[in-house]
Amino acid sequence: MILAIAAARGLYFAALMLLFGSAAFEVLLKKQLPFVAPVLLPRRGMLLAALAAALVWFALAAAQMADAADLATIRLAATATLFGNLFVLRVAVLLGLLLLPARRLTGTAVLAAAALSLPSATSHAATASPAGLAATGTILDAVHLLTCGFWIGGLAVLIALFRRKDPNMLQVLSLFSDTALVAVLLLAMTGMINIVTILLVGNHVRAPVYLAVLGAKLALVGIMLALALVNRFALTEAGEHPKIARNAVIELGLGLIVVLLAGLLGQLSPVQ
């Protein structure tokens, strides 16, 4: 059950990060580099994947909480728990996204950001925060999710532009490097604060499985950061666009694995 919920959770976050980040970076592209033609990405597929994952995630979580899988249990979980209330709100936001025209990128980015950040209210960072500071933990976790989404979704746009051999890649790379750097700094800062909040507050014994998964996640993020730095400070200056494109694909793949591991971390107890 834990692995199934983790998979649904990871898919939900991955799909919405791609949706939010790609839309947000395209909005930025349109504003800063209006001569770059729009990118065609399967955003409807991302949205449907997020909606399906949300439904499976909630159904499995409700069954796990009540040790039963029937409509009455699901209805009770949806109306009597914060997790359920947020699920209903998330589904409403996702349905709103379905009704939004495909090229309304600003609206897509805003609604996807809302659906992506809502689970932060029940995250480990929120529940582990000291009394009275749960809102702070929620905000930090939401920023963590959104900055990761901008990075991953921006990479998807970058890869699409490389594949069509866009003539404006130098300007696009410069814009992505500058904005992604800010996102990565915020991602790292909020991630470190979350780790301290979850693991270093209190005198509990840390769970080895949680620490192992967290270590694997951090190692992959470290590789992603190394690739990003190589792209920014070595390959971009040398005009090595094929190598940058290759590294971007690797970064995106690693990023999606990181998100799936984050989905698993959300289902594991950090302490014994």
Foldseek 3Di string as FASTA:
>chain_A
DLLQLLQLQLLLLLLLLLQQQQLVLVVVCCVPPVVFDDFDDVNVVSLVSNLVSLVSNLQVVLCVVVVHRDPVSSVCCLPPDLVNVLSVVLNVLSVVLVVDDPPPSVSRNVSSLSSNLSCLLVFLQLVLAPPPCSVVSSVLVSLLSNLLSNLLNLLVRLLRCVVVVPPCNLVSLVVCLVVNVVSVVSNVVSVVVSCCSNPVPDDFAFDPVLVVLVVVLVVLVVVLVVLSCCVPPPCSVVVVSVSNSVSSVVSNVSSSVSSSSVSSSRSDRGGD
